[in-house]
Amino acid sequence: MTDECKVKLKMDYPARWIYKLVGPDPDAMRQAVAALIADRRYTLTLSRQSRTAKYTCLNLELNVESESHRLDLYESLKRLPSVKIVL
């Protein structure tokens, strides 16, 4: 990986952040997110669905307190069995 790809994101925290979650079962993703982020306010909305409805993309929007919080949450979302991709 080149140094050009290692650009550090400069943000002021707390900040509003949107994660895109992709998986085959939107209800399972909603339940998993609710269990993971039970202590915070967030919105989870439909972004897209594949033409055959095999995959669904949901937007998870919430406030993150710091870069470490944002990255930790990203890693936690990636570990959810119902979520196949986190962007």
PDB file of N, CA and C in Angstrom:
ATOM      1  N   MET A   1       0.856  -1.175   0.000  1.00  0.00           N
ATOM      2  CA  MET A   1       0.000   0.000   0.000  1.00  0.00           C
ATOM      3  C   MET A   1       0.902   1.238   0.000  1.00  0.00           C
ATOM      4  N   THR A   2       0.582   2.182  -0.822  1.00  0.00           N
ATOM      5  CA  THR A   2       1.389   3.395  -0.907  1.00  0.00           C
ATOM      6  C   THR A   2       1.001   4.366   0.194  1.00  0.00           C
ATOM      7  N   ASP A   3       1.876   5.325   0.445  1.00  0.00           N
ATOM      8  CA  ASP A   3       1.589   6.344   1.458  1.00  0.00           C
ATOM      9  C   ASP A   3       0.411   7.207   1.065  1.00  0.00           C
ATOM     10  N   GLU A   4       0.128   7.296  -0.230  1.00  0.00           N
ATOM     11  CA  GLU A   4      -1.005   8.103  -0.692  1.00  0.00           C
ATOM     12  C   GLU A   4      -2.324   7.567  -0.162  1.00  0.00           C
ATOM     13  N   CYS A   5      -2.402   6.272   0.100  1.00  0.00           N
ATOM     14  CA  CYS A   5      -3.638   5.648   0.588  1.00  0.00           C
ATOM     15  C   CYS A   5      -3.788   5.789   2.097  1.00  0.00           C
ATOM     16  N   LYS A   6      -2.767   6.260   2.771  1.00  0.00           N
ATOM     17  CA  LYS A   6      -2.788   6.355   4.231  1.00  0.00           C
ATOM     18  C   LYS A   6      -3.075   7.778   4.703  1.00  0.00           C
ATOM     19  N   VAL A   7      -3.994   8.446   4.050  1.00  0.00           N
ATOM     20  CA  VAL A   7      -4.352   9.805   4.422  1.00  0.00           C
ATOM     21  C   VAL A   7      -5.210   9.748   5.680  1.00  0.00           C
ATOM     22  N   LYS A   8      -4.857  10.515   6.674  1.00  0.00           N
ATOM     23  CA  LYS A   8      -5.596  10.541   7.928  1.00  0.00           C
ATOM     24  C   LYS A   8      -6.750  11.535   7.814  1.00  0.00           C
ATOM     25  N   LEU A   9      -7.927  11.098   8.215  1.00  0.00           N
ATOM     26  CA  LEU A   9      -9.117  11.925   8.173  1.00  0.00           C
ATOM     27  C   LEU A   9      -9.043  12.961   9.294  1.00  0.00           C
ATOM     28  N   LYS A  10      -9.206  14.220   8.938  1.00  0.00           N
ATOM     29  CA  LYS A  10      -9.178  15.290   9.945  1.00  0.00           C
ATOM     30  C   LYS A  10     -10.611  15.748  10.192  1.00  0.00           C
ATOM     31  N   MET A  11     -11.088  15.499  11.404  1.00  0.00           N
ATOM     32  CA  MET A  11     -12.466  15.855  11.765  1.00  0.00           C
ATOM     33  C   MET A  11     -12.481  16.478  13.145  1.00  0.00           C
ATOM     34  N   ASP A  12     -13.492  17.287  13.366  1.00  0.00           N
ATOM     35  CA  ASP A  12     -13.752  17.811  14.700  1.00  0.00           C
ATOM     36  C   ASP A  12     -14.780  16.902  15.357  1.00  0.00           C
ATOM     37  N   TYR A  13     -14.487  16.462  16.570  1.00  0.00           N
ATOM     38  CA  TYR A  13     -15.387  15.576  17.303  1.00  0.00           C
ATOM     39  C   TYR A  13     -15.984  16.311  18.484  1.00  0.00           C
ATOM     40  N   PRO A  14     -17.182  15.922  18.904  1.00  0.00           N
ATOM     41  CA  PRO A  14     -18.043  14.888  18.334  1.00  0.00           C
ATOM     42  C   PRO A  14     -18.545  15.288  16.953  1.00  0.00           C
ATOM     43  N   ALA A  15     -18.869  14.264  16.164  1.00  0.00           N
ATOM     44  CA  ALA A  15     -19.293  14.492  14.783  1.00  0.00           C
ATOM     45  C   ALA A  15     -20.386  13.497  14.413  1.00  0.00           C
ATOM     46  N   ARG A  16     -21.198  13.886  13.463  1.00  0.00           N
ATOM     47  CA  ARG A  16     -22.217  13.005  12.901  1.00  0.00           C
ATOM     48  C   ARG A  16     -21.536  12.127  11.870  1.00  0.00           C
ATOM     49  N   TRP A  17     -21.777  10.815  11.900  1.00  0.00           N
ATOM     50  CA  TRP A  17     -21.117   9.895  10.996  1.00  0.00           C
ATOM     51  C   TRP A  17     -22.137   8.912  10.432  1.00  0.00           C
ATOM     52  N   ILE A  18     -21.935   8.501   9.192  1.00  0.00           N
ATOM     53  CA  ILE A  18     -22.822   7.530   8.558  1.00  0.00           C
ATOM     54  C   ILE A  18     -21.998   6.319   8.137  1.00  0.00           C
ATOM     55  N   TYR A  19     -22.418   5.155   8.607  1.00  0.00           N
ATOM     56  CA  TYR A  19     -21.866   3.881   8.163  1.00  0.00           C
ATOM     57  C   TYR A  19     -22.874   3.266   7.202  1.00  0.00           C
ATOM     58  N   LYS A  20     -22.394   2.632   6.161  1.00  0.00           N
ATOM     59  CA  LYS A  20     -23.258   1.877   5.246  1.00  0.00           C
ATOM     60  C   LYS A  20     -23.050   0.404   5.561  1.00  0.00           C
ATOM     61  N   LEU A  21     -24.143  -0.273   5.856  1.00  0.00           N
ATOM     62  CA  LEU A  21     -24.108  -1.683   6.213  1.00  0.00           C
ATOM     63  C   LEU A  21     -24.775  -2.491   5.111  1.00  0.00           C
ATOM     64  N   VAL A  22     -24.124  -3.543   4.660  1.00  0.00           N
ATOM     65  CA  VAL A  22     -24.672  -4.387   3.600  1.00  0.00           C
ATOM     66  C   VAL A  22     -24.791  -5.811   4.127  1.00  0.00           C
ATOM     67  N   GLY A  23     -25.957  -6.407   3.893  1.00  0.00           N
ATOM     68  CA  GLY A  23     -26.178  -7.785   4.307  1.00  0.00           C
ATOM     69  C   GLY A  23     -27.418  -8.359   3.658  1.00  0.00           C
ATOM     70  N   PRO A  24     -27.635  -9.653   3.805  1.00  0.00           N
ATOM     71  CA  PRO A  24     -28.760 -10.306   3.146  1.00  0.00           C
ATOM     72  C   PRO A  24     -30.099 -10.139   3.859  1.00  0.00           C
ATOM     73  N   ASP A  25     -30.078  -9.855   5.155  1.00  0.00           N
ATOM     74  CA  ASP A  25     -31.322  -9.802   5.932  1.00  0.00           C
ATOM     75  C   ASP A  25     -31.413  -8.474   6.688  1.00  0.00           C
ATOM     76  N   PRO A  26     -32.205  -7.521   6.183  1.00  0.00           N
ATOM     77  CA  PRO A  26     -32.272  -6.209   6.841  1.00  0.00           C
ATOM     78  C   PRO A  26     -32.810  -6.274   8.267  1.00  0.00           C
ATOM     79  N   ASP A  27     -33.740  -7.179   8.534  1.00  0.00           N
ATOM     80  CA  ASP A  27     -34.264  -7.293   9.901  1.00  0.00           C
ATOM     81  C   ASP A  27     -33.188  -7.773  10.870  1.00  0.00           C
ATOM     82  N   ALA A  28     -32.389  -8.737  10.440  1.00  0.00           N
ATOM     83  CA  ALA A  28     -31.295  -9.226  11.285  1.00  0.00           C
ATOM     84  C   ALA A  28     -30.265  -8.125  11.525  1.00  0.00           C
ATOM     85  N   MET A  29     -29.985  -7.321  10.493  1.00  0.00           N
ATOM     86  CA  MET A  29     -29.049  -6.210  10.675  1.00  0.00           C
ATOM     87  C   MET A  29     -29.611  -5.193  11.654  1.00  0.00           C
ATOM     88  N   ARG A  30     -30.897  -4.889  11.542  1.00  0.00           N
ATOM     89  CA  ARG A  30     -31.519  -3.925  12.469  1.00  0.00           C
ATOM     90  C   ARG A  30     -31.439  -4.421  13.915  1.00  0.00           C
ATOM     91  N   GLN A  31     -31.729  -5.696  14.120  1.00  0.00           N
ATOM     92  CA  GLN A  31     -31.669  -6.263  15.476  1.00  0.00           C
ATOM     93  C   GLN A  31     -30.243  -6.239  16.018  1.00  0.00           C
ATOM     94  N   ALA A  32     -29.282  -6.574  15.191  1.00  0.00           N
ATOM     95  CA  ALA A  32     -27.883  -6.593  15.626  1.00  0.00           C
ATOM     96  C   ALA A  32     -27.394  -5.191  15.984  1.00  0.00           C
ATOM     97  N   VAL A  33     -27.758  -4.211  15.170  1.00  0.00           N
ATOM     98  CA  VAL A  33     -27.367  -2.826  15.456  1.00  0.00           C
ATOM     99  C   VAL A  33     -28.027  -2.352  16.750  1.00  0.00           C
ATOM    100  N   ALA A  34     -29.300  -2.676  16.940  1.00  0.00           N
ATOM    101  CA  ALA A  34     -29.998  -2.271  18.169  1.00  0.00           C
ATOM    102  C   ALA A  34     -29.324  -2.861  19.403  1.00  0.00           C
ATOM    103  N   ALA A  35     -28.886  -4.104  19.321  1.00  0.00           N
ATOM    104  CA  ALA A  35     -28.201  -4.733  20.454  1.00  0.00           C
ATOM    105  C   ALA A  35     -26.820  -4.125  20.684  1.00  0.00           C
ATOM    106  N   LEU A  36     -26.124  -3.796  19.609  1.00  0.00           N
ATOM    107  CA  LEU A  36     -24.779  -3.243  19.720  1.00  0.00           C
ATOM    108  C   LEU A  36     -24.781  -1.805  20.231  1.00  0.00           C
ATOM    109  N   ILE A  37     -25.754  -1.021  19.784  1.00  0.00           N
ATOM    110  CA  ILE A  37     -25.765   0.413  20.092  1.00  0.00           C
ATOM    111  C   ILE A  37     -26.992   0.770  20.933  1.00  0.00           C
ATOM    112  N   ALA A  38     -27.299  -0.041  21.896  1.00  0.00           N
ATOM    113  CA  ALA A  38     -28.499   0.158  22.704  1.00  0.00           C
ATOM    114  C   ALA A  38     -28.452   1.442  23.533  1.00  0.00           C
ATOM    115  N   ASP A  39     -27.258   1.926  23.831  1.00  0.00           N
ATOM    116  CA  ASP A  39     -27.118   3.080  24.724  1.00  0.00           C
ATOM    117  C   ASP A  39     -27.029   4.418  23.998  1.00  0.00           C
ATOM    118  N   ARG A  40     -27.162   4.440  22.671  1.00  0.00           N
ATOM    119  CA  ARG A  40     -27.014   5.688  21.905  1.00  0.00           C
ATOM    120  C   ARG A  40     -28.211   5.924  21.014  1.00  0.00           C
ATOM    121  N   ARG A  41     -28.403   7.181  20.675  1.00  0.00           N
ATOM    122  CA  ARG A  41     -29.427   7.538  19.690  1.00  0.00           C
ATOM    123  C   ARG A  41     -28.814   7.394  18.307  1.00  0.00           C
ATOM    124  N   TYR A  42     -29.564   6.793  17.406  1.00  0.00           N
ATOM    125  CA  TYR A  42     -29.095   6.604  16.046  1.00  0.00           C
ATOM    126  C   TYR A  42     -30.299   6.491  15.127  1.00  0.00           C
ATOM    127  N   THR A  43     -30.051   6.624  13.834  1.00  0.00           N
ATOM    128  CA  THR A  43     -31.088   6.339  12.844  1.00  0.00           C
ATOM    129  C   THR A  43     -30.533   5.267  11.915  1.00  0.00           C
ATOM    130  N   LEU A  44     -31.409   4.366  11.521  1.00  0.00           N
ATOM    131  CA  LEU A  44     -31.047   3.289  10.622  1.00  0.00           C
ATOM    132  C   LEU A  44     -32.087   3.269   9.515  1.00  0.00           C
ATOM    133  N   THR A  45     -31.666   3.636   8.312  1.00  0.00           N
ATOM    134  CA  THR A  45     -32.608   3.781   7.203  1.00  0.00           C
ATOM    135  C   THR A  45     -32.167   2.952   6.001  1.00  0.00           C
ATOM    136  N   LEU A  46     -33.139   2.590   5.187  1.00  0.00           N
ATOM    137  CA  LEU A  46     -32.864   1.850   3.964  1.00  0.00           C
ATOM    138  C   LEU A  46     -32.154   2.760   2.976  1.00  0.00           C
ATOM    139  N   SER A  47     -31.061   2.267   2.426  1.00  0.00           N
ATOM    140  CA  SER A  47     -30.336   3.012   1.408  1.00  0.00           C
ATOM    141  C   SER A  47     -30.658   2.445   0.028  1.00  0.00           C
ATOM    142  N   ARG A  48     -30.409   1.141  -0.127  1.00  0.00           N
ATOM    143  CA  ARG A  48     -30.648   0.477  -1.420  1.00  0.00           C
ATOM    144  C   ARG A  48     -30.919  -0.996  -1.175  1.00  0.00           C
ATOM    145  N   GLN A  49     -31.452  -1.615  -2.201  1.00  0.00           N
ATOM    146  CA  GLN A  49     -31.627  -3.057  -2.195  1.00  0.00           C
ATOM    147  C   GLN A  49     -31.255  -3.571  -3.580  1.00  0.00           C
ATOM    148  N   SER A  50     -30.593  -4.717  -3.641  1.00  0.00           N
ATOM    149  CA  SER A  50     -30.236  -5.268  -4.939  1.00  0.00           C
ATOM    150  C   SER A  50     -31.509  -5.614  -5.719  1.00  0.00           C
ATOM    151  N   ARG A  51     -31.381  -5.682  -7.008  1.00  0.00           N
ATOM    152  CA  ARG A  51     -32.551  -5.921  -7.863  1.00  0.00           C
ATOM    153  C   ARG A  51     -33.275  -7.206  -7.483  1.00  0.00           C
ATOM    154  N   THR A  52     -32.523  -8.212  -7.068  1.00  0.00           N
ATOM    155  CA  THR A  52     -33.125  -9.493  -6.694  1.00  0.00           C
ATOM    156  C   THR A  52     -33.427  -9.566  -5.193  1.00  0.00           C
ATOM    157  N   ALA A  53     -33.169  -8.495  -4.469  1.00  0.00           N
ATOM    158  CA  ALA A  53     -33.376  -8.410  -3.011  1.00  0.00           C
ATOM    159  C   ALA A  53     -32.480  -9.380  -2.244  1.00  0.00           C
ATOM    160  N   LYS A  54     -31.373  -9.782  -2.870  1.00  0.00           N
ATOM    161  CA  LYS A  54     -30.435 -10.669  -2.194  1.00  0.00           C
ATOM    162  C   LYS A  54     -29.654  -9.908  -1.121  1.00  0.00           C
ATOM    163  N   TYR A  55     -29.369  -8.637  -1.385  1.00  0.00           N
ATOM    164  CA  TYR A  55     -28.644  -7.807  -0.431  1.00  0.00           C
ATOM    165  C   TYR A  55     -29.352  -6.484  -0.226  1.00  0.00           C
ATOM    166  N   THR A  56     -29.234  -5.982   0.995  1.00  0.00           N
ATOM    167  CA  THR A  56     -29.807  -4.696   1.370  1.00  0.00           C
ATOM    168  C   THR A  56     -28.701  -3.834   1.964  1.00  0.00           C
ATOM    169  N   CYS A  57     -28.753  -2.538   1.667  1.00  0.00           N
ATOM    170  CA  CYS A  57     -27.817  -1.576   2.245  1.00  0.00           C
ATOM    171  C   CYS A  57     -28.600  -0.648   3.157  1.00  0.00           C
ATOM    172  N   LEU A  58     -28.150  -0.536   4.403  1.00  0.00           N
ATOM    173  CA  LEU A  58     -28.766   0.358   5.382  1.00  0.00           C
ATOM    174  C   LEU A  58     -27.774   1.451   5.749  1.00  0.00           C
ATOM    175  N   ASN A  59     -28.279   2.655   5.992  1.00  0.00           N
ATOM    176  CA  ASN A  59     -27.461   3.757   6.495  1.00  0.00           C
ATOM    177  C   ASN A  59     -27.636   3.843   8.000  1.00  0.00           C
ATOM    178  N   LEU A  60     -26.540   3.746   8.721  1.00  0.00           N
ATOM    179  CA  LEU A  60     -26.532   3.916  10.168  1.00  0.00           C
ATOM    180  C   LEU A  60     -25.914   5.280  10.453  1.00  0.00           C
ATOM    181  N   GLU A  61     -26.709   6.178  11.014  1.00  0.00           N
ATOM    182  CA  GLU A  61     -26.228   7.535  11.298  1.00  0.00           C
ATOM    183  C   GLU A  61     -26.283   7.785  12.798  1.00  0.00           C
ATOM    184  N   LEU A  62     -25.154   8.267  13.339  1.00  0.00           N
ATOM    185  CA  LEU A  62     -25.083   8.556  14.764  1.00  0.00           C
ATOM    186  C   LEU A  62     -23.914   9.489  15.046  1.00  0.00           C
ATOM    187  N   ASN A  63     -23.866  10.000  16.261  1.00  0.00           N
ATOM    188  CA  ASN A  63     -22.748  10.839  16.686  1.00  0.00           C
ATOM    189  C   ASN A  63     -21.625   9.953  17.189  1.00  0.00           C
ATOM    190  N   VAL A  64     -20.402  10.262  16.755  1.00  0.00           N
ATOM    191  CA  VAL A  64     -19.217   9.591  17.281  1.00  0.00           C
ATOM    192  C   VAL A  64     -18.430  10.616  18.083  1.00  0.00           C
ATOM    193  N   GLU A  65     -17.867  10.166  19.186  1.00  0.00           N
ATOM    194  CA  GLU A  65     -17.221  11.078  20.137  1.00  0.00           C
ATOM    195  C   GLU A  65     -15.759  11.373  19.798  1.00  0.00           C
ATOM    196  N   SER A  66     -15.112  10.442  19.115  1.00  0.00           N
ATOM    197  CA  SER A  66     -13.684  10.595  18.819  1.00  0.00           C
ATOM    198  C   SER A  66     -13.324   9.667  17.672  1.00  0.00           C
ATOM    199  N   GLU A  67     -12.114   9.826  17.163  1.00  0.00           N
ATOM    200  CA  GLU A  67     -11.664   8.940  16.088  1.00  0.00           C
ATOM    201  C   GLU A  67     -11.612   7.493  16.573  1.00  0.00           C
ATOM    202  N   SER A  68     -11.137   7.290  17.787  1.00  0.00           N
ATOM    203  CA  SER A  68     -11.068   5.916  18.304  1.00  0.00           C
ATOM    204  C   SER A  68     -12.465   5.324  18.461  1.00  0.00           C
ATOM    205  N   HIS A  69     -13.424   6.121  18.878  1.00  0.00           N
ATOM    206  CA  HIS A  69     -14.808   5.649  18.982  1.00  0.00           C
ATOM    207  C   HIS A  69     -15.346   5.275  17.608  1.00  0.00           C
ATOM    208  N   ARG A  70     -15.092   6.104  16.611  1.00  0.00           N
ATOM    209  CA  ARG A  70     -15.556   5.851  15.248  1.00  0.00           C
ATOM    210  C   ARG A  70     -14.949   4.556  14.708  1.00  0.00           C
ATOM    211  N   LEU A  71     -13.655   4.365  14.903  1.00  0.00           N
ATOM    212  CA  LEU A  71     -12.979   3.169  14.406  1.00  0.00           C
ATOM    213  C   LEU A  71     -13.378   1.915  15.189  1.00  0.00           C
ATOM    214  N   ASP A  72     -13.545   2.036  16.497  1.00  0.00           N
ATOM    215  CA  ASP A  72     -13.987   0.902  17.314  1.00  0.00           C
ATOM    216  C   ASP A  72     -15.381   0.445  16.890  1.00  0.00           C
ATOM    217  N   LEU A  73     -16.256   1.402  16.641  1.00  0.00           N
ATOM    218  CA  LEU A  73     -17.605   1.060  16.206  1.00  0.00           C
ATOM    219  C   LEU A  73     -17.569   0.386  14.832  1.00  0.00           C
ATOM    220  N   TYR A  74     -16.729   0.876  13.945  1.00  0.00           N
ATOM    221  CA  TYR A  74     -16.554   0.254  12.630  1.00  0.00           C
ATOM    222  C   TYR A  74     -16.144  -1.214  12.789  1.00  0.00           C
ATOM    223  N   GLU A  75     -15.166  -1.474  13.636  1.00  0.00           N
ATOM    224  CA  GLU A  75     -14.704  -2.849  13.853  1.00  0.00           C
ATOM    225  C   GLU A  75     -15.805  -3.707  14.469  1.00  0.00           C
ATOM    226  N   SER A  76     -16.563  -3.167  15.392  1.00  0.00           N
ATOM    227  CA  SER A  76     -17.669  -3.912  16.009  1.00  0.00           C
ATOM    228  C   SER A  76     -18.746  -4.246  14.986  1.00  0.00           C
ATOM    229  N   LEU A  77     -19.058  -3.300  14.112  1.00  0.00           N
ATOM    230  CA  LEU A  77     -20.058  -3.542  13.070  1.00  0.00           C
ATOM    231  C   LEU A  77     -19.577  -4.619  12.100  1.00  0.00           C
ATOM    232  N   LYS A  78     -18.287  -4.628  11.762  1.00  0.00           N
ATOM    233  CA  LYS A  78     -17.731  -5.633  10.858  1.00  0.00           C
ATOM    234  C   LYS A  78     -17.845  -7.041  11.432  1.00  0.00           C
ATOM    235  N   ARG A  79     -17.840  -7.162  12.752  1.00  0.00           N
ATOM    236  CA  ARG A  79     -17.900  -8.482  13.396  1.00  0.00           C
ATOM    237  C   ARG A  79     -19.319  -9.033  13.511  1.00  0.00           C
ATOM    238  N   LEU A  80     -20.337  -8.218  13.204  1.00  0.00           N
ATOM    239  CA  LEU A  80     -21.716  -8.709  13.296  1.00  0.00           C
ATOM    240  C   LEU A  80     -21.961  -9.750  12.199  1.00  0.00           C
ATOM    241  N   PRO A  81     -22.443 -10.938  12.549  1.00  0.00           N
ATOM    242  CA  PRO A  81     -22.670 -11.981  11.541  1.00  0.00           C
ATOM    243  C   PRO A  81     -23.668 -11.570  10.441  1.00  0.00           C
ATOM    244  N   SER A  82     -24.618 -10.722  10.763  1.00  0.00           N
ATOM    245  CA  SER A  82     -25.630 -10.335   9.782  1.00  0.00           C
ATOM    246  C   SER A  82     -25.135  -9.264   8.812  1.00  0.00           C
ATOM    247  N   VAL A  83     -23.997  -8.652   9.108  1.00  0.00           N
ATOM    248  CA  VAL A  83     -23.446  -7.589   8.273  1.00  0.00           C
ATOM    249  C   VAL A  83     -22.272  -8.154   7.471  1.00  0.00           C
ATOM    250  N   LYS A  84     -22.370  -8.082   6.159  1.00  0.00           N
ATOM    251  CA  LYS A  84     -21.312  -8.623   5.304  1.00  0.00           C
ATOM    252  C   LYS A  84     -20.277  -7.567   4.935  1.00  0.00           C
ATOM    253  N   ILE A  85     -20.698  -6.306   4.800  1.00  0.00           N
ATOM    254  CA  ILE A  85     -19.803  -5.215   4.414  1.00  0.00           C
ATOM    255  C   ILE A  85     -20.150  -3.972   5.227  1.00  0.00           C
ATOM    256  N   VAL A  86     -19.132  -3.252   5.683  1.00  0.00           N
ATOM    257  CA  VAL A  86     -19.319  -1.958   6.361  1.00  0.00           C
ATOM    258  C   VAL A  86     -18.500  -0.930   5.584  1.00  0.00           C
ATOM    259  N   LEU A  87     -19.136   0.131   5.173  1.00  0.00           N
ATOM    260  CA  LEU A  87     -18.453   1.219   4.473  1.00  0.00           C
ATOM    261  C   LEU A  87     -18.558   2.475   5.304  1.00  0.00           C
TER     262      LEU A  87
END
